[in-house]
């Protein structure tokens, strides 16, 4: 049985979380706030994560552009209990991850960037079914 693109993405999100144990949850969200795929724990509302991620992506893109910083690469939010990291996945999509407060951020940024690049190719190429690399 052939897996859908969404199922493949969910599997890859879980692989991302397995390769980066400090990542507690992740999702791929479209620019209009629709969840493309997610690996969120119980109690985290997919719709809220999607809407907030899309809003943050849109605002961050405007800030980067208006202040002459070029194309948006990532958004980093630090809270008392951990981090929210958003990485742009080409035009109109974002990879969102929730990380623990003691996360090794360099490794997470590296893993997320690698995943985002492969995901961008997957989203862009309708016929591509190559796995998304997440292991170091």
Protein backbone atom coordinates (compact mmCIF):
# COMPACT_ATOMS: atom_id res chain seq x y z
CA UNK A 1 0.00 0.00 0.00
CA UNK A 2 1.36 3.39 -1.00
CA UNK A 3 1.59 5.97 1.73
CA UNK A 4 0.24 9.46 1.24
CA UNK A 5 2.57 12.44 1.25
CA UNK A 6 1.06 13.46 4.59
CA UNK A 7 1.77 10.04 6.11
CA UNK A 8 5.36 10.20 4.87
CA UNK A 9 5.77 13.64 6.43
CA UNK A 10 4.38 12.49 9.77
CA UNK A 11 6.85 9.59 9.77
CA UNK A 12 9.67 11.98 8.98
CA UNK A 13 8.60 14.36 11.75
CA UNK A 14 8.74 11.44 14.16
CA UNK A 15 12.20 10.56 12.81
CA UNK A 16 13.28 14.17 13.34
CA UNK A 17 12.11 13.97 16.94
CA UNK A 18 13.88 10.64 17.42
CA UNK A 19 17.16 11.99 16.03
CA UNK A 20 16.88 15.16 18.15
CA UNK A 21 15.52 14.02 21.52
CA UNK A 22 15.21 17.63 22.71
CA UNK A 23 12.50 18.21 20.10
CA UNK A 24 9.25 17.44 21.91
CA UNK A 25 6.81 18.16 19.07
CA UNK A 26 6.85 19.25 15.45
CA UNK A 27 4.56 20.20 12.60
CA UNK A 28 4.64 21.35 8.99
CA UNK A 29 2.22 24.19 8.40
CA UNK A 30 1.12 26.00 5.25
CA UNK A 31 1.34 29.76 5.03
CA UNK A 32 -2.44 30.01 5.36
CA UNK A 33 -2.45 28.14 8.67
CA UNK A 34 -3.40 24.65 7.56
CA UNK A 35 -1.56 21.74 9.13
CA UNK A 36 0.17 19.68 6.44
CA UNK A 37 1.57 17.12 8.90
CA UNK A 38 2.19 16.97 12.64
CA UNK A 39 3.70 14.91 15.41
CA UNK A 40 2.25 16.71 18.42
CA UNK A 41 1.73 15.30 21.90
CA UNK A 42 -1.69 14.81 23.43
CA UNK A 43 -3.07 18.09 24.71
CA UNK A 44 -1.43 20.27 22.05
CA UNK A 45 -4.07 21.51 19.63
CA UNK A 46 -2.98 21.09 16.03
CA UNK A 47 -5.21 23.93 14.82
CA UNK A 48 -3.77 26.41 17.33
CA UNK A 49 -0.17 25.45 16.54
CA UNK A 50 -0.91 25.78 12.82
CA UNK A 51 -2.60 29.17 13.12
CA UNK A 52 0.08 30.62 15.38
CA UNK A 53 2.90 29.27 13.21
CA UNK A 54 1.40 30.77 10.05
CA UNK A 55 0.88 34.11 11.78
CA UNK A 56 4.42 34.15 13.11
CA UNK A 57 5.78 33.18 9.69
CA UNK A 58 3.89 36.00 7.97
CA UNK A 59 4.91 38.63 10.54
CA UNK A 60 8.53 37.46 10.58
CA UNK A 61 8.76 37.55 6.79
CA UNK A 62 7.47 41.14 6.82
CA UNK A 63 9.95 42.15 9.54
CA UNK A 64 12.92 40.55 7.75
CA UNK A 65 11.96 42.17 4.47
CA UNK A 66 11.11 45.63 5.81
CA UNK A 67 14.30 45.81 7.86
CA UNK A 68 16.47 44.71 4.95
CA UNK A 69 17.48 41.34 6.40
CA UNK A 70 16.67 39.32 3.28
CA UNK A 71 14.62 36.15 3.05
CA UNK A 72 13.45 34.65 6.32
CA UNK A 73 15.40 31.58 7.44
CA UNK A 74 14.19 30.91 10.98
CA UNK A 75 12.33 32.30 13.98
CA UNK A 76 13.49 31.52 17.48
CA UNK A 77 11.33 32.04 20.57
CA UNK A 78 12.64 31.36 24.06
CA UNK A 79 10.19 30.85 26.90
CA UNK A 80 10.63 29.83 30.52
CA UNK A 81 9.90 26.19 29.68
CA UNK A 82 11.67 25.84 26.35
CA UNK A 83 11.82 26.99 22.78
CA UNK A 84 9.62 27.36 19.73
CA UNK A 85 11.62 27.26 16.52
CA UNK A 86 10.20 27.94 13.08
CA UNK A 87 12.17 27.26 9.91
CA UNK A 88 10.94 28.42 6.54
CA UNK A 89 10.23 25.64 4.06
CA UNK A 90 10.38 27.53 0.81
CA UNK A 91 7.50 29.81 -0.03
CA UNK A 92 4.35 29.38 1.99
CA UNK A 93 5.26 26.69 4.52
CA UNK A 94 7.00 26.45 7.85
CA UNK A 95 8.47 23.69 9.99
CA UNK A 96 7.65 24.32 13.66
CA UNK A 97 9.35 22.53 16.53
CA UNK A 98 8.91 22.71 20.30
CA UNK A 99 12.15 22.03 22.15
CA UNK A 100 13.00 21.50 25.80
CA UNK A 101 14.59 24.27 27.85
CA UNK A 102 17.97 22.46 27.95
CA UNK A 103 18.02 21.71 24.22
CA UNK A 104 21.26 21.63 22.25
CA UNK A 105 20.16 24.32 19.85
CA UNK A 106 22.99 23.97 17.34
CA UNK A 107 22.05 20.34 16.69
CA UNK A 108 18.37 21.19 16.48
CA UNK A 109 18.98 24.03 14.00
CA UNK A 110 21.12 21.71 11.87
CA UNK A 111 18.56 18.89 11.89
CA UNK A 112 15.68 21.23 11.19
CA UNK A 113 17.48 22.94 8.31
CA UNK A 114 18.32 19.60 6.70
CA UNK A 115 14.73 18.45 7.11
CA UNK A 116 13.33 21.75 5.78
CA UNK A 117 15.47 21.59 2.63
CA UNK A 118 14.35 18.05 1.85
CA UNK A 119 10.76 18.91 2.71
CA UNK A 120 10.86 21.89 0.36
CA UNK A 121 11.90 19.54 -2.44
CA UNK A 122 9.14 17.10 -1.50
CA UNK A 123 6.49 19.83 -1.51
CA UNK A 124 7.80 21.35 -4.74
CA UNK A 125 8.14 18.12 -6.68
CA UNK A 126 4.74 16.45 -6.82
CA UNK A 127 6.26 13.20 -8.07
CA UNK A 128 9.07 12.99 -5.52
CA UNK A 129 8.72 10.35 -2.85
CA UNK A 130 12.34 10.37 -1.68
CA UNK A 131 12.69 9.99 2.08
CA UNK A 132 13.59 13.10 4.03
CA UNK A 133 17.00 12.67 5.71
CA UNK A 134 17.05 13.44 9.42
CA UNK A 135 19.91 11.39 10.84
CA UNK A 136 23.25 13.01 11.54
